[in-house]
Amino acid sequence: MAKLYFEKLSQLISDLDIETEVSAKLETKHFFRGAALYANKVICVSWSPGGLAFKLPESEVDRLLSSGKAKPLKYFVKGHIKEGYAMFENPESSKKARWKSYFLMAIGCTL
């Protein structure tokens, strides 16, 4: 299952041309049941069966959660909430361009 999410995340990064827009060293890796994007060796984005999650500034996370646009990130149903992340369920139902600003913001959080 991790391979599927690795491929989806890698393709989305490529389609959005993220690597040409940032100076950070990017690397996509498998993890748990999904995949993660690392910028300068720090995880900033993950895609798993729960959805696409971005490490974002607290104010942005709070805004997205309170508006209902995103959910808190939990790696397991009974697990704790991963602070600083906003998770979007069913990311493939949105246009790819929607995610570009979140990628750039998440990568910026690692600098």
Protein backbone atom coordinates (compact mmCIF):
# COMPACT_ATOMS: atom_id res chain seq x y z
CA MET A 1 0.00 0.00 0.00
CA ALA A 2 2.86 2.42 0.76
CA LYS A 3 4.04 2.07 -2.85
CA LEU A 4 0.71 3.42 -4.13
CA TYR A 5 0.97 6.55 -1.97
CA PHE A 6 4.65 6.97 -2.81
CA GLU A 7 3.71 7.00 -6.49
CA LYS A 8 0.78 9.39 -5.97
CA LEU A 9 2.86 11.82 -3.92
CA SER A 10 5.81 11.67 -6.32
CA GLN A 11 3.51 12.27 -9.31
CA LEU A 12 1.77 15.21 -7.64
CA ILE A 13 5.11 16.84 -6.78
CA SER A 14 6.22 16.36 -10.39
CA ASP A 15 2.94 17.60 -11.89
CA LEU A 16 3.05 20.75 -9.75
CA ASP A 17 6.74 21.30 -10.60
CA ILE A 18 7.50 21.82 -6.90
CA GLU A 19 11.22 21.03 -7.13
CA THR A 20 11.92 23.97 -9.43
CA GLU A 21 10.24 26.42 -7.05
CA VAL A 22 12.20 25.69 -3.88
CA SER A 23 15.84 25.65 -2.86
CA ALA A 24 15.33 22.87 -0.30
CA LYS A 25 16.59 19.36 -1.00
CA LEU A 26 13.44 17.26 -1.48
CA GLU A 27 13.13 13.52 -0.98
CA THR A 28 10.06 11.28 -1.04
CA LYS A 29 10.11 8.14 1.12
CA HIS A 30 7.79 5.32 2.15
CA PHE A 31 6.49 5.33 5.73
CA PHE A 32 3.88 3.35 7.67
CA ARG A 33 1.11 2.78 5.11
CA GLY A 34 1.90 5.86 3.05
CA ALA A 35 4.58 8.19 1.78
CA ALA A 36 6.20 11.38 3.02
CA LEU A 37 7.98 14.34 1.48
CA TYR A 38 11.08 15.53 3.29
CA ALA A 39 12.58 18.97 2.74
CA ASN A 40 16.14 19.28 4.00
CA LYS A 41 15.61 15.95 5.84
CA VAL A 42 12.53 17.22 7.72
CA ILE A 43 9.10 15.71 7.01
CA CYS A 44 6.65 18.31 5.74
CA VAL A 45 3.98 16.43 3.73
CA SER A 46 2.48 12.96 3.97
CA TRP A 47 -0.06 11.00 1.95
CA SER A 48 -1.68 7.93 3.43
CA PRO A 49 -5.10 6.25 3.38
CA GLY A 50 -6.39 9.05 5.64
CA GLY A 51 -5.49 11.79 3.20
CA LEU A 52 -2.89 14.36 2.23
CA ALA A 53 -1.35 16.17 5.21
CA PHE A 54 0.79 19.30 5.29
CA LYS A 55 2.96 20.72 8.07
CA LEU A 56 1.82 24.34 8.19
CA PRO A 57 2.09 27.38 10.46
CA GLU A 58 -0.20 27.02 13.49
CA SER A 59 -2.41 29.93 12.41
CA GLU A 60 -3.03 28.27 9.03
CA VAL A 61 -3.72 24.89 10.64
CA ASP A 62 -6.18 26.53 13.04
CA ARG A 63 -7.92 28.34 10.18
CA LEU A 64 -8.25 25.19 8.07
CA LEU A 65 -9.48 23.06 10.97
CA SER A 66 -12.00 25.63 12.22
CA SER A 67 -13.37 26.16 8.71
CA GLY A 68 -13.83 22.42 8.24
CA LYS A 69 -11.60 22.37 5.14
CA ALA A 70 -9.12 20.05 6.85
CA LYS A 71 -9.00 17.55 9.68
CA PRO A 72 -6.38 16.94 12.36
CA LEU A 73 -3.73 14.40 11.36
CA LYS A 74 -3.73 11.05 13.16
CA TYR A 75 -1.63 8.17 11.89
CA PHE A 76 -3.84 5.66 13.69
CA VAL A 77 -7.56 5.79 14.56
CA LYS A 78 -6.90 5.80 18.30
CA GLY A 79 -3.58 7.64 17.99
CA HIS A 80 -2.80 11.14 19.16
CA ILE A 81 -3.23 14.19 16.96
CA LYS A 82 -0.02 15.20 15.20
CA GLU A 83 0.27 18.90 16.04
CA GLY A 84 1.03 21.40 13.31
CA TYR A 85 -0.54 19.38 10.49
CA ALA A 86 -3.71 19.83 8.47
CA MET A 87 -5.01 16.75 6.65
CA PHE A 88 -7.23 16.84 3.59
CA GLU A 89 -9.39 13.79 2.98
CA ASN A 90 -9.91 12.58 -0.61
CA PRO A 91 -7.25 14.84 -2.13
CA GLU A 92 -7.71 13.35 -5.59
CA SER A 93 -11.21 14.82 -5.75
CA SER A 94 -9.70 18.33 -5.93
CA LYS A 95 -7.81 19.92 -8.80
CA LYS A 96 -4.06 19.36 -8.44
CA ALA A 97 -3.32 23.10 -8.55
CA ARG A 98 -5.11 23.50 -5.21
CA TRP A 99 -2.18 21.81 -3.44
CA LYS A 100 0.71 23.89 -4.74
CA SER A 101 0.49 26.68 -2.17
CA TYR A 102 0.25 24.12 0.64
CA PHE A 103 3.37 22.33 -0.62
CA LEU A 104 5.29 25.59 -0.76
CA MET A 105 4.10 26.62 2.70
CA ALA A 106 4.94 23.21 4.17
CA ILE A 107 8.42 23.24 2.65
CA GLY A 108 8.89 26.77 3.98
CA CYS A 109 8.16 25.49 7.50
CA THR A 110 11.30 23.35 7.32
CA LEU A 111 13.66 26.25 6.62
